[in-house]
C-alpha cells in the first residue's frame, strides 16, 4: 500500500543523494538537485536524510494515498493542496488513506520534494534509487512518473515522536535581491576531439567542447563567480577576456536591464504556453531556426507524431522572427 499517481506533473522523479562510482562507464550521478530541501524533507519524517523521495519540477504530481503515512513537502512553493485545501510546507503531516495530494503550480522556486515516512519501495540500482532519465535507469522504470504508476511504502508511519515539533521555517530571503547569473544550455552529444600529444591539451579541448552556450548577466560579481580565471577564452562560460580584463568580441553577456528584459519575456512566454496546455491546446508546433529545430533531440517525436510533410503541421519560424520585437515591447512595459 502506498500511492497511486493520478497525474505525474511536468517532471516528477524518484531521487536520493545520487549514484557514484560509475561515471567512467557513462552513468552520471543523478540525485536531488536541491540537497538542502531534500535532506530537510527526509529529516522531518524521520528518515535517513539520504532516503529516496519524489523530486518535482514547476507543477507537481497528483497522488492518491492508498494507506496512511506521514509526509513532508519542501523546496520551492509549488502550491501543495490536500483534498483541495492548502497543505503546510516544511512540516511533518499525516495524510490518510483516500486523500489526494496535488500541486497547483509554482509560486516561487521550481523544484520541490515530497518525503514519505519509512521510505518508498523502489529497487536500488547500482547503489541508488535515483532516476537517471537519459540511461532509463533507477526510480520507476527509469522514467518520470506517469498516470497509473503505483509506488508502495516500505514502512509507513502514522505517528512520530514530537510530531508537533517536526517543522522548520522555509528558507526565504525577502530582503535580498536574487540576480540570475545567466541562461545556459549544454551540448547533448558526447564530444570528440583530435588527440594532441599532451594530456593537458586533451582536457582543455574537451572543456571547450563541453562549455555551455547562452547569455550571461554582465555584472562583475557574476562574472567572477562563473569564472575566477578571467584570462583569454573562458572554459566555463561563453566569454573571452582582453588583456586589459575587459570582455572581448563575441562574448555573450548583456547588461542587467537587458538581461532582466530577456527573463521577463521568458516568463511571459512560459505563462502563455502553460495557459494553452491547461486549456487543452497541446498542438505540436516546434520552433525552427535555419536547419535547427526543437525536434532534433526530442525523445518523444514518435509520440507527438509531428511531421512537417503532412498538412496542418508547420514549424514556428515566424514566431522566432518576431521574438526580438516582442522582447523590445516587453522592455517598454507593453507586453
C-alpha atoms as a PDB file:
ATOM      1  CA  UNK A   1       0.000   0.000   0.000  1.00  0.00           C
ATOM      2  CA  UNK A   2       1.283   3.446  -0.829  1.00  0.00           C
ATOM      3  CA  UNK A   3       0.367   5.981  -3.532  1.00  0.00           C
ATOM      4  CA  UNK A   4      -1.278   5.913  -6.947  1.00  0.00           C
ATOM      5  CA  UNK A   5      -0.204   8.563  -9.463  1.00  0.00           C
ATOM      6  CA  UNK A   6      -3.259  10.253 -10.961  1.00  0.00           C
ATOM      7  CA  UNK A   7      -1.154  12.886 -12.709  1.00  0.00           C
ATOM      8  CA  UNK A   8       2.625  12.893 -12.960  1.00  0.00           C
ATOM      9  CA  UNK A   9       3.039  16.671 -13.198  1.00  0.00           C
ATOM     10  CA  UNK A  10       5.582  18.149 -15.588  1.00  0.00           C
ATOM     11  CA  UNK A  11       8.606  16.200 -14.361  1.00  0.00           C
ATOM     12  CA  UNK A  12       8.420  14.113 -11.189  1.00  0.00           C
ATOM     13  CA  UNK A  13      11.080  11.501 -10.471  1.00  0.00           C
ATOM     14  CA  UNK A  14      12.416   9.446  -7.588  1.00  0.00           C
ATOM     15  CA  UNK A  15      15.736  10.835  -6.346  1.00  0.00           C
ATOM     16  CA  UNK A  16      18.106  10.258  -3.459  1.00  0.00           C
ATOM     17  CA  UNK A  17      21.662  11.508  -2.895  1.00  0.00           C
ATOM     18  CA  UNK A  18      22.837  10.029  -6.171  1.00  0.00           C
ATOM     19  CA  UNK A  19      24.747   7.162  -7.772  1.00  0.00           C
ATOM     20  CA  UNK A  20      28.523   7.404  -7.528  1.00  0.00           C
ATOM     21  CA  UNK A  21      31.464   5.468  -8.923  1.00  0.00           C
ATOM     22  CA  UNK A  22      30.101   4.741 -12.397  1.00  0.00           C
ATOM     23  CA  UNK A  23      30.851   7.958 -14.296  1.00  0.00           C
ATOM     24  CA  UNK A  24      33.656   6.235 -16.223  1.00  0.00           C
ATOM     25  CA  UNK A  25      31.029   3.895 -17.689  1.00  0.00           C
ATOM     26  CA  UNK A  26      28.712   6.677 -18.854  1.00  0.00           C
ATOM     27  CA  UNK A  27      26.442   6.629 -15.794  1.00  0.00           C
ATOM     28  CA  UNK A  28      26.189  10.090 -14.256  1.00  0.00           C
ATOM     29  CA  UNK A  29      25.406  10.609 -10.591  1.00  0.00           C
ATOM     30  CA  UNK A  30      21.835  11.990 -10.886  1.00  0.00           C
ATOM     31  CA  UNK A  31      20.355  12.642  -7.404  1.00  0.00           C
ATOM     32  CA  UNK A  32      18.414  15.544  -5.917  1.00  0.00           C
ATOM     33  CA  UNK A  33      19.075  18.992  -7.394  1.00  0.00           C
ATOM     34  CA  UNK A  34      18.414  20.830  -4.106  1.00  0.00           C
ATOM     35  CA  UNK A  35      20.141  18.755  -1.462  1.00  0.00           C
ATOM     36  CA  UNK A  36      19.199  21.022   1.439  1.00  0.00           C
ATOM     37  CA  UNK A  37      15.455  20.857   0.783  1.00  0.00           C
ATOM     38  CA  UNK A  38      15.709  17.128   0.025  1.00  0.00           C
ATOM     39  CA  UNK A  39      17.530  16.420   3.300  1.00  0.00           C
ATOM     40  CA  UNK A  40      15.124  18.539   5.361  1.00  0.00           C
ATOM     41  CA  UNK A  41      12.114  16.673   3.947  1.00  0.00           C
ATOM     42  CA  UNK A  42      13.550  13.319   4.990  1.00  0.00           C
ATOM     43  CA  UNK A  43      14.607  14.516   8.426  1.00  0.00           C
ATOM     44  CA  UNK A  44      11.109  15.890   9.123  1.00  0.00           C
ATOM     45  CA  UNK A  45       9.518  12.464   8.519  1.00  0.00           C
ATOM     46  CA  UNK A  46      12.146  10.560  10.499  1.00  0.00           C
ATOM     47  CA  UNK A  47      14.000   9.000   7.560  1.00  0.00           C
ATOM     48  CA  UNK A  48      17.684   8.733   6.931  1.00  0.00           C
ATOM     49  CA  UNK A  49      18.475  12.043   5.251  1.00  0.00           C
ATOM     50  CA  UNK A  50      19.503  10.282   2.038  1.00  0.00           C
ATOM     51  CA  UNK A  51      16.352   8.174   1.648  1.00  0.00           C
ATOM     52  CA  UNK A  52      14.630   8.261  -1.762  1.00  0.00           C
ATOM     53  CA  UNK A  53      11.947  10.929  -2.205  1.00  0.00           C
ATOM     54  CA  UNK A  54       9.969  12.471  -5.054  1.00  0.00           C
ATOM     55  CA  UNK A  55      11.509  15.462  -6.823  1.00  0.00           C
ATOM     56  CA  UNK A  56       9.028  17.591  -8.797  1.00  0.00           C
ATOM     57  CA  UNK A  57       9.535  20.465 -11.217  1.00  0.00           C
ATOM     58  CA  UNK A  58       7.247  23.537 -11.625  1.00  0.00           C
ATOM     59  CA  UNK A  59       3.971  21.582 -11.418  1.00  0.00           C
ATOM     60  CA  UNK A  60       3.922  18.649  -9.029  1.00  0.00           C
ATOM     61  CA  UNK A  61       2.035  15.354  -9.274  1.00  0.00           C
ATOM     62  CA  UNK A  62      -1.426  14.353  -8.086  1.00  0.00           C
ATOM     63  CA  UNK A  63      -1.089  11.435  -5.670  1.00  0.00           C
ATOM     64  CA  UNK A  64      -3.884   9.277  -4.236  1.00  0.00           C
ATOM     65  CA  UNK A  65      -2.941   7.668  -0.919  1.00  0.00           C
ATOM     66  CA  UNK A  66      -3.938   4.011  -0.518  1.00  0.00           C
ATOM     67  CA  UNK A  67      -2.700   3.894   3.070  1.00  0.00           C
ATOM     68  CA  UNK A  68      -1.967   6.353   5.880  1.00  0.00           C
ATOM     69  CA  UNK A  69       1.509   7.829   6.065  1.00  0.00           C
ATOM     70  CA  UNK A  70       3.367  10.899   7.293  1.00  0.00           C
ATOM     71  CA  UNK A  71       4.830  13.140   4.584  1.00  0.00           C
ATOM     72  CA  UNK A  72       6.727  16.409   4.300  1.00  0.00           C
ATOM     73  CA  UNK A  73       6.838  18.816   1.354  1.00  0.00           C
ATOM     74  CA  UNK A  74       9.847  21.143   0.999  1.00  0.00           C
ATOM     75  CA  UNK A  75      11.735  23.156  -1.613  1.00  0.00           C
ATOM     76  CA  UNK A  76      10.049  25.592  -3.968  1.00  0.00           C
ATOM     77  CA  UNK A  77       6.449  26.526  -3.231  1.00  0.00           C
ATOM     78  CA  UNK A  78       4.514  24.627  -5.908  1.00  0.00           C
ATOM     79  CA  UNK A  79       1.200  25.289  -4.103  1.00  0.00           C
ATOM     80  CA  UNK A  80       0.608  21.927  -2.390  1.00  0.00           C
ATOM     81  CA  UNK A  81      -3.037  21.013  -1.745  1.00  0.00           C
ATOM     82  CA  UNK A  82      -4.597  18.156   0.238  1.00  0.00           C
ATOM     83  CA  UNK A  83      -8.107  17.364  -0.996  1.00  0.00           C
ATOM     84  CA  UNK A  84      -8.225  20.865  -2.460  1.00  0.00           C
ATOM     85  CA  UNK A  85      -7.164  22.628   0.746  1.00  0.00           C
ATOM     86  CA  UNK A  86      -3.832  24.337   1.378  1.00  0.00           C
ATOM     87  CA  UNK A  87      -1.175  21.922   2.619  1.00  0.00           C
ATOM     88  CA  UNK A  88       1.530  23.198   5.012  1.00  0.00           C
ATOM     89  CA  UNK A  89       5.131  23.010   3.821  1.00  0.00           C
ATOM     90  CA  UNK A  90       8.237  22.260   5.848  1.00  0.00           C
ATOM     91  CA  UNK A  91       6.445  20.183   8.460  1.00  0.00           C
ATOM     92  CA  UNK A  92       5.506  16.531   9.041  1.00  0.00           C
ATOM     93  CA  UNK A  93       1.824  15.923   8.241  1.00  0.00           C
ATOM     94  CA  UNK A  94      -0.245  12.733   8.449  1.00  0.00           C
ATOM     95  CA  UNK A  95      -2.066  12.013   5.186  1.00  0.00           C
ATOM     96  CA  UNK A  96      -4.802   9.390   5.420  1.00  0.00           C
ATOM     97  CA  UNK A  97      -5.934   6.653   3.073  1.00  0.00           C
ATOM     98  CA  UNK A  98      -8.161   8.015   0.318  1.00  0.00           C
ATOM     99  CA  UNK A  99      -6.818  11.570   0.496  1.00  0.00           C
ATOM    100  CA  UNK A 100      -5.240  13.266  -2.534  1.00  0.00           C
ATOM    101  CA  UNK A 101      -2.106  15.402  -2.502  1.00  0.00           C
ATOM    102  CA  UNK A 102      -1.818  17.722  -5.511  1.00  0.00           C
ATOM    103  CA  UNK A 103       0.030  20.862  -6.639  1.00  0.00           C
ATOM    104  CA  UNK A 104      -1.454  23.896  -8.377  1.00  0.00           C
ATOM    105  CA  UNK A 105       1.824  25.236  -9.800  1.00  0.00           C
ATOM    106  CA  UNK A 106       4.921  27.188  -8.832  1.00  0.00           C
ATOM    107  CA  UNK A 107       4.539  30.368  -6.763  1.00  0.00           C
ATOM    108  CA  UNK A 108       8.274  30.590  -6.195  1.00  0.00           C
ATOM    109  CA  UNK A 109      11.139  28.243  -6.892  1.00  0.00           C
ATOM    110  CA  UNK A 110      10.975  25.470  -9.465  1.00  0.00           C
ATOM    111  CA  UNK A 111      11.781  22.208  -7.660  1.00  0.00           C
ATOM    112  CA  UNK A 112      10.083  20.682  -4.657  1.00  0.00           C
ATOM    113  CA  UNK A 113      10.381  17.451  -2.670  1.00  0.00           C
ATOM    114  CA  UNK A 114       7.959  15.006  -1.081  1.00  0.00           C
ATOM    115  CA  UNK A 115       9.406  12.652   1.531  1.00  0.00           C
ATOM    116  CA  UNK A 116       7.413   9.720   2.907  1.00  0.00           C
ATOM    117  CA  UNK A 117       7.992   8.275   6.379  1.00  0.00           C
ATOM    118  CA  UNK A 118       9.615   4.852   6.111  1.00  0.00           C
ATOM    119  CA  UNK A 119      10.704   5.462   2.522  1.00  0.00           C
ATOM    120  CA  UNK A 120       9.452   4.415  -0.905  1.00  0.00           C
ATOM    121  CA  UNK A 121       9.564   0.823  -2.114  1.00  0.00           C
ATOM    122  CA  UNK A 122      11.882   1.454  -5.049  1.00  0.00           C
ATOM    123  CA  UNK A 123      14.570  -1.008  -6.217  1.00  0.00           C
ATOM    124  CA  UNK A 124      18.160   0.006  -5.541  1.00  0.00           C
ATOM    125  CA  UNK A 125      20.105   0.045  -8.805  1.00  0.00           C
ATOM    126  CA  UNK A 126      23.881   0.410  -8.642  1.00  0.00           C
ATOM    127  CA  UNK A 127      23.618   1.625  -5.062  1.00  0.00           C
ATOM    128  CA  UNK A 128      20.861   4.206  -5.556  1.00  0.00           C
ATOM    129  CA  UNK A 129      17.130   4.704  -6.060  1.00  0.00           C
ATOM    130  CA  UNK A 130      17.742   7.839  -8.164  1.00  0.00           C
ATOM    131  CA  UNK A 131      16.207   8.143 -11.612  1.00  0.00           C
ATOM    132  CA  UNK A 132      18.662   8.733 -14.458  1.00  0.00           C
ATOM    133  CA  UNK A 133      16.418   9.628 -17.386  1.00  0.00           C
ATOM    134  CA  UNK A 134      18.920   9.509 -20.217  1.00  0.00           C
ATOM    135  CA  UNK A 135      20.004   5.966 -19.252  1.00  0.00           C
ATOM    136  CA  UNK A 136      16.463   4.816 -18.351  1.00  0.00           C
ATOM    137  CA  UNK A 137      17.885   3.746 -15.011  1.00  0.00           C
ATOM    138  CA  UNK A 138      16.553   3.663 -11.434  1.00  0.00           C
ATOM    139  CA  UNK A 139      13.367   5.106  -9.973  1.00  0.00           C
ATOM    140  CA  UNK A 140      10.134   3.912 -11.598  1.00  0.00           C
ATOM    141  CA  UNK A 141      11.221   2.109 -14.784  1.00  0.00           C
ATOM    142  CA  UNK A 142      13.933   4.724 -15.341  1.00  0.00           C
ATOM    143  CA  UNK A 143      11.448   7.467 -16.256  1.00  0.00           C
ATOM    144  CA  UNK A 144       9.349  10.266 -14.808  1.00  0.00           C
ATOM    145  CA  UNK A 145       6.116   9.399 -13.015  1.00  0.00           C
ATOM    146  CA  UNK A 146       3.085   8.779 -15.209  1.00  0.00           C
ATOM    147  CA  UNK A 147      -0.624   8.345 -14.621  1.00  0.00           C
ATOM    148  CA  UNK A 148      -1.367   4.908 -13.208  1.00  0.00           C
ATOM    149  CA  UNK A 149       2.001   4.337 -11.542  1.00  0.00           C
ATOM    150  CA  UNK A 150       1.789   2.744  -8.094  1.00  0.00           C
ATOM    151  CA  UNK A 151       4.545   3.098  -5.500  1.00  0.00           C
ATOM    152  CA  UNK A 152       4.469   1.283  -2.199  1.00  0.00           C
ATOM    153  CA  UNK A 153       5.701   2.449   1.191  1.00  0.00           C
ATOM    154  CA  UNK A 154       8.490   0.442   2.833  1.00  0.00           C
ATOM    155  CA  UNK A 155       7.284   1.084   6.371  1.00  0.00           C
ATOM    156  CA  UNK A 156       4.517   3.673   6.636  1.00  0.00           C
ATOM    157  CA  UNK A 157       4.135   5.645   9.893  1.00  0.00           C
ATOM    158  CA  UNK A 158       1.070   7.209  11.461  1.00  0.00           C
ATOM    159  CA  UNK A 159       2.868   8.732  14.432  1.00  0.00           C
ATOM    160  CA  UNK A 160       6.370  10.009  15.046  1.00  0.00           C
ATOM    161  CA  UNK A 161       7.995  11.304  18.243  1.00  0.00           C
ATOM    162  CA  UNK A 162       7.426  15.042  18.765  1.00  0.00           C
ATOM    163  CA  UNK A 163       5.075  15.374  15.793  1.00  0.00           C
ATOM    164  CA  UNK A 164       4.097  18.949  16.641  1.00  0.00           C
ATOM    165  CA  UNK A 165       7.742  19.986  16.751  1.00  0.00           C
ATOM    166  CA  UNK A 166       8.576  18.479  13.363  1.00  0.00           C
ATOM    167  CA  UNK A 167       8.536  21.723  11.418  1.00  0.00           C
ATOM    168  CA  UNK A 168      11.083  24.276  10.280  1.00  0.00           C
ATOM    169  CA  UNK A 169      10.929  27.732   8.758  1.00  0.00           C
ATOM    170  CA  UNK A 170      11.297  27.754   4.997  1.00  0.00           C
ATOM    171  CA  UNK A 171      14.463  29.371   3.659  1.00  0.00           C
ATOM    172  CA  UNK A 172      13.330  32.661   2.141  1.00  0.00           C
ATOM    173  CA  UNK A 173      15.285  35.867   1.689  1.00  0.00           C
ATOM    174  CA  UNK A 174      12.779  38.727   1.396  1.00  0.00           C
ATOM    175  CA  UNK A 175      15.384  41.452   1.853  1.00  0.00           C
ATOM    176  CA  UNK A 176      17.841  40.089  -0.705  1.00  0.00           C
ATOM    177  CA  UNK A 177      17.678  40.515  -4.449  1.00  0.00           C
ATOM    178  CA  UNK A 178      18.067  37.275  -6.374  1.00  0.00           C
ATOM    179  CA  UNK A 179      20.070  38.005  -9.513  1.00  0.00           C
ATOM    180  CA  UNK A 180      20.248  35.230 -12.165  1.00  0.00           C
ATOM    181  CA  UNK A 181      23.798  34.611 -13.309  1.00  0.00           C
ATOM    182  CA  UNK A 182      22.778  33.613 -16.797  1.00  0.00           C
ATOM    183  CA  UNK A 183      20.729  31.379 -19.045  1.00  0.00           C
ATOM    184  CA  UNK A 184      22.628  28.388 -20.377  1.00  0.00           C
ATOM    185  CA  UNK A 185      22.153  25.335 -22.488  1.00  0.00           C
ATOM    186  CA  UNK A 186      24.524  22.428 -22.854  1.00  0.00           C
ATOM    187  CA  UNK A 187      25.754  20.043 -25.503  1.00  0.00           C
ATOM    188  CA  UNK A 188      23.831  16.805 -25.772  1.00  0.00           C
ATOM    189  CA  UNK A 189      26.293  14.926 -27.981  1.00  0.00           C
ATOM    190  CA  UNK A 190      29.410  13.359 -26.495  1.00  0.00           C
ATOM    191  CA  UNK A 191      32.419  15.463 -27.551  1.00  0.00           C
ATOM    192  CA  UNK A 192      35.051  14.105 -29.948  1.00  0.00           C
ATOM    193  CA  UNK A 193      38.400  15.851 -30.381  1.00  0.00           C
ATOM    194  CA  UNK A 194      41.619  15.007 -32.158  1.00  0.00           C
ATOM    195  CA  UNK A 195      44.081  13.721 -29.588  1.00  0.00           C
ATOM    196  CA  UNK A 196      47.141  16.003 -29.294  1.00  0.00           C
ATOM    197  CA  UNK A 197      50.396  14.902 -27.759  1.00  0.00           C
ATOM    198  CA  UNK A 198      49.894  16.330 -24.279  1.00  0.00           C
ATOM    199  CA  UNK A 199      47.170  15.024 -21.943  1.00  0.00           C
ATOM    200  CA  UNK A 200      46.549  18.559 -20.634  1.00  0.00           C
ATOM    201  CA  UNK A 201      45.680  19.685 -24.170  1.00  0.00           C
ATOM    202  CA  UNK A 202      43.060  16.947 -24.460  1.00  0.00           C
ATOM    203  CA  UNK A 203      41.379  18.128 -21.265  1.00  0.00           C
ATOM    204  CA  UNK A 204      41.374  21.724 -22.495  1.00  0.00           C
ATOM    205  CA  UNK A 205      39.864  20.745 -25.846  1.00  0.00           C
ATOM    206  CA  UNK A 206      37.169  18.655 -24.131  1.00  0.00           C
ATOM    207  CA  UNK A 207      36.298  21.529 -21.807  1.00  0.00           C
ATOM    208  CA  UNK A 208      35.920  23.825 -24.815  1.00  0.00           C
ATOM    209  CA  UNK A 209      33.558  21.343 -26.464  1.00  0.00           C
ATOM    210  CA  UNK A 210      31.525  20.892 -23.282  1.00  0.00           C
ATOM    211  CA  UNK A 211      31.335  24.602 -22.463  1.00  0.00           C
ATOM    212  CA  UNK A 212      27.705  25.755 -22.148  1.00  0.00           C
ATOM    213  CA  UNK A 213      26.332  28.335 -24.543  1.00  0.00           C
ATOM    214  CA  UNK A 214      23.790  31.010 -23.665  1.00  0.00           C
ATOM    215  CA  UNK A 215      23.774  34.524 -22.227  1.00  0.00           C
ATOM    216  CA  UNK A 216      25.384  35.934 -19.064  1.00  0.00           C
ATOM    217  CA  UNK A 217      24.357  38.759 -16.786  1.00  0.00           C
ATOM    218  CA  UNK A 218      27.028  41.419 -17.298  1.00  0.00           C
ATOM    219  CA  UNK A 219      27.942  42.179 -13.705  1.00  0.00           C
ATOM    220  CA  UNK A 220      31.497  41.994 -12.378  1.00  0.00           C
ATOM    221  CA  UNK A 221      30.475  39.909  -9.369  1.00  0.00           C
ATOM    222  CA  UNK A 222      28.543  37.463 -11.542  1.00  0.00           C
ATOM    223  CA  UNK A 223      31.432  37.064 -13.986  1.00  0.00           C
ATOM    224  CA  UNK A 224      33.860  36.454 -11.134  1.00  0.00           C
ATOM    225  CA  UNK A 225      31.656  33.725  -9.656  1.00  0.00           C
ATOM    226  CA  UNK A 226      31.323  31.990 -13.030  1.00  0.00           C
ATOM    227  CA  UNK A 227      34.992  32.111 -13.976  1.00  0.00           C
ATOM    228  CA  UNK A 228      37.653  33.139 -11.488  1.00  0.00           C
ATOM    229  CA  UNK A 229      40.454  32.874 -14.061  1.00  0.00           C
ATOM    230  CA  UNK A 230      39.205  35.706 -16.306  1.00  0.00           C
ATOM    231  CA  UNK A 231      42.033  35.366 -18.819  1.00  0.00           C
ATOM    232  CA  UNK A 232      41.744  34.652 -22.530  1.00  0.00           C
ATOM    233  CA  UNK A 233      38.874  32.420 -23.661  1.00  0.00           C
ATOM    234  CA  UNK A 234      36.873  31.083 -20.756  1.00  0.00           C
ATOM    235  CA  UNK A 235      36.494  27.307 -20.479  1.00  0.00           C
ATOM    236  CA  UNK A 236      33.444  27.706 -18.249  1.00  0.00           C
ATOM    237  CA  UNK A 237      31.155  30.262 -19.908  1.00  0.00           C
ATOM    238  CA  UNK A 238      30.785  31.832 -23.404  1.00  0.00           C
ATOM    239  CA  UNK A 239      33.028  34.874 -22.937  1.00  0.00           C
ATOM    240  CA  UNK A 240      36.534  35.973 -23.864  1.00  0.00           C
ATOM    241  CA  UNK A 241      38.755  38.421 -21.972  1.00  0.00           C
ATOM    242  CA  UNK A 242      41.040  41.051 -23.446  1.00  0.00           C
ATOM    243  CA  UNK A 243      44.492  41.691 -21.993  1.00  0.00           C
ATOM    244  CA  UNK A 244      43.124  44.652 -20.029  1.00  0.00           C
ATOM    245  CA  UNK A 245      40.441  42.441 -18.409  1.00  0.00           C
ATOM    246  CA  UNK A 246      37.517  43.704 -20.457  1.00  0.00           C
ATOM    247  CA  UNK A 247      35.265  41.347 -22.387  1.00  0.00           C
ATOM    248  CA  UNK A 248      36.359  40.612 -25.927  1.00  0.00           C
ATOM    249  CA  UNK A 249      34.417  40.499 -29.174  1.00  0.00           C
ATOM    250  CA  UNK A 250      31.980  37.601 -29.375  1.00  0.00           C
ATOM    251  CA  UNK A 251      31.360  37.411 -25.620  1.00  0.00           C
ATOM    252  CA  UNK A 252      27.749  36.578 -24.854  1.00  0.00           C
ATOM    253  CA  UNK A 253      26.918  38.921 -21.993  1.00  0.00           C
ATOM    254  CA  UNK A 254      24.372  41.717 -21.601  1.00  0.00           C
ATOM    255  CA  UNK A 255      23.745  44.448 -19.027  1.00  0.00           C
ATOM    256  CA  UNK A 256      21.399  43.828 -16.097  1.00  0.00           C
ATOM    257  CA  UNK A 257      18.491  45.768 -17.635  1.00  0.00           C
ATOM    258  CA  UNK A 258      18.640  43.888 -20.939  1.00  0.00           C
ATOM    259  CA  UNK A 259      19.090  40.582 -19.144  1.00  0.00           C
ATOM    260  CA  UNK A 260      16.018  41.241 -16.991  1.00  0.00           C
ATOM    261  CA  UNK A 261      14.038  42.064 -20.132  1.00  0.00           C
ATOM    262  CA  UNK A 262      15.018  38.664 -21.547  1.00  0.00           C
ATOM    263  CA  UNK A 263      13.975  36.939 -18.331  1.00  0.00           C
ATOM    264  CA  UNK A 264      10.635  38.764 -18.258  1.00  0.00           C
ATOM    265  CA  UNK A 265       9.988  37.692 -21.830  1.00  0.00           C
ATOM    266  CA  UNK A 266      10.802  34.054 -20.988  1.00  0.00           C
ATOM    267  CA  UNK A 267       8.422  34.113 -18.007  1.00  0.00           C
ATOM    268  CA  UNK A 268       5.699  35.686 -20.160  1.00  0.00           C
ATOM    269  CA  UNK A 269       6.065  33.002 -22.845  1.00  0.00           C
ATOM    270  CA  UNK A 270       6.113  30.215 -20.246  1.00  0.00           C
ATOM    271  CA  UNK A 271       2.856  31.533 -18.766  1.00  0.00           C
ATOM    272  CA  UNK A 272       1.292  31.700 -22.242  1.00  0.00           C
ATOM    273  CA  UNK A 273       2.315  28.119 -23.022  1.00  0.00           C
ATOM    274  CA  UNK A 274       1.145  26.852 -19.636  1.00  0.00           C
ATOM    275  CA  UNK A 275      -2.217  28.561 -20.175  1.00  0.00           C
ATOM    276  CA  UNK A 276      -2.620  26.929 -23.589  1.00  0.00           C
ATOM    277  CA  UNK A 277      -1.778  23.495 -22.205  1.00  0.00           C
ATOM    278  CA  UNK A 278      -4.170  23.967 -19.286  1.00  0.00           C
ATOM    279  CA  UNK A 279      -6.948  24.899 -21.722  1.00  0.00           C
ATOM    280  CA  UNK A 280      -6.352  21.720 -23.730  1.00  0.00           C
ATOM    281  CA  UNK A 281      -4.234  23.121 -26.572  1.00  0.00           C
ATOM    282  CA  UNK A 282      -1.432  20.551 -26.919  1.00  0.00           C
ATOM    283  CA  UNK A 283      -0.830  21.006 -30.652  1.00  0.00           C
ATOM    284  CA  UNK A 284       2.689  20.029 -31.697  1.00  0.00           C
ATOM    285  CA  UNK A 285       4.251  23.181 -33.168  1.00  0.00           C
ATOM    286  CA  UNK A 286       8.033  23.228 -32.578  1.00  0.00           C
ATOM    287  CA  UNK A 287      10.374  26.108 -33.365  1.00  0.00           C
ATOM    288  CA  UNK A 288      12.824  26.108 -36.267  1.00  0.00           C
ATOM    289  CA  UNK A 289      15.780  28.392 -36.937  1.00  0.00           C
ATOM    290  CA  UNK A 290      17.621  27.692 -40.145  1.00  0.00           C
ATOM    291  CA  UNK A 291      18.211  23.939 -40.226  1.00  0.00           C
ATOM    292  CA  UNK A 292      17.981  23.533 -36.436  1.00  0.00           C
ATOM    293  CA  UNK A 293      14.654  22.521 -34.889  1.00  0.00           C
ATOM    294  CA  UNK A 294      13.327  21.788 -31.428  1.00  0.00           C
ATOM    295  CA  UNK A 295      12.725  18.212 -32.617  1.00  0.00           C
ATOM    296  CA  UNK A 296      16.398  17.400 -33.204  1.00  0.00           C
ATOM    297  CA  UNK A 297      16.999  15.906 -29.779  1.00  0.00           C
ATOM    298  CA  UNK A 298      13.423  15.289 -28.622  1.00  0.00           C
ATOM    299  CA  UNK A 299      12.837  11.837 -27.143  1.00  0.00           C
ATOM    300  CA  UNK A 300       9.098  11.998 -27.797  1.00  0.00           C
ATOM    301  CA  UNK A 301       8.913  12.550 -31.571  1.00  0.00           C
ATOM    302  CA  UNK A 302       7.373   9.106 -32.060  1.00  0.00           C
ATOM    303  CA  UNK A 303       4.600  10.062 -29.620  1.00  0.00           C
ATOM    304  CA  UNK A 304       3.562  13.527 -30.822  1.00  0.00           C
ATOM    305  CA  UNK A 305       3.511  12.485 -34.490  1.00  0.00           C
ATOM    306  CA  UNK A 306       4.729  15.866 -35.771  1.00  0.00           C
ATOM    307  CA  UNK A 307       5.678  15.711 -39.460  1.00  0.00           C
ATOM    308  CA  UNK A 308       6.089  18.925 -41.463  1.00  0.00           C
ATOM    309  CA  UNK A 309       5.368  16.983 -44.654  1.00  0.00           C
ATOM    310  CA  UNK A 310       1.763  16.472 -43.546  1.00  0.00           C
ATOM    311  CA  UNK A 311      -0.994  19.053 -43.891  1.00  0.00           C
ATOM    312  CA  UNK A 312      -1.632  21.028 -40.708  1.00  0.00           C
ATOM    313  CA  UNK A 313       1.896  20.637 -39.311  1.00  0.00           C
ATOM    314  CA  UNK A 314       4.338  23.534 -39.506  1.00  0.00           C
ATOM    315  CA  UNK A 315       7.319  24.967 -37.653  1.00  0.00           C
ATOM    316  CA  UNK A 316       7.079  28.256 -35.785  1.00  0.00           C
ATOM    317  CA  UNK A 317       9.557  30.235 -37.859  1.00  0.00           C
ATOM    318  CA  UNK A 318       7.564  33.472 -37.836  1.00  0.00           C
ATOM    319  CA  UNK A 319       7.442  33.421 -34.036  1.00  0.00           C
ATOM    320  CA  UNK A 320      11.222  33.329 -33.888  1.00  0.00           C
ATOM    321  CA  UNK A 321      11.442  36.146 -36.411  1.00  0.00           C
ATOM    322  CA  UNK A 322       9.235  38.322 -34.212  1.00  0.00           C
ATOM    323  CA  UNK A 323      10.918  37.497 -30.882  1.00  0.00           C
ATOM    324  CA  UNK A 324      13.248  40.487 -30.945  1.00  0.00           C
ATOM    325  CA  UNK A 325      10.287  42.804 -31.429  1.00  0.00           C
ATOM    326  CA  UNK A 326       8.407  41.122 -28.578  1.00  0.00           C
ATOM    327  CA  UNK A 327      11.388  41.452 -26.245  1.00  0.00           C
ATOM    328  CA  UNK A 328      11.660  45.177 -27.009  1.00  0.00           C
ATOM    329  CA  UNK A 329       7.965  45.642 -26.266  1.00  0.00           C
ATOM    330  CA  UNK A 330       8.319  43.711 -23.005  1.00  0.00           C
ATOM    331  CA  UNK A 331      11.124  46.045 -22.002  1.00  0.00           C
ATOM    332  CA  UNK A 332       8.846  49.032 -22.585  1.00  0.00           C
ATOM    333  CA  UNK A 333       6.109  47.502 -20.436  1.00  0.00           C
ATOM    334  CA  UNK A 334       3.753  46.988 -23.395  1.00  0.00           C
ATOM    335  CA  UNK A 335       3.565  43.166 -23.209  1.00  0.00           C
END
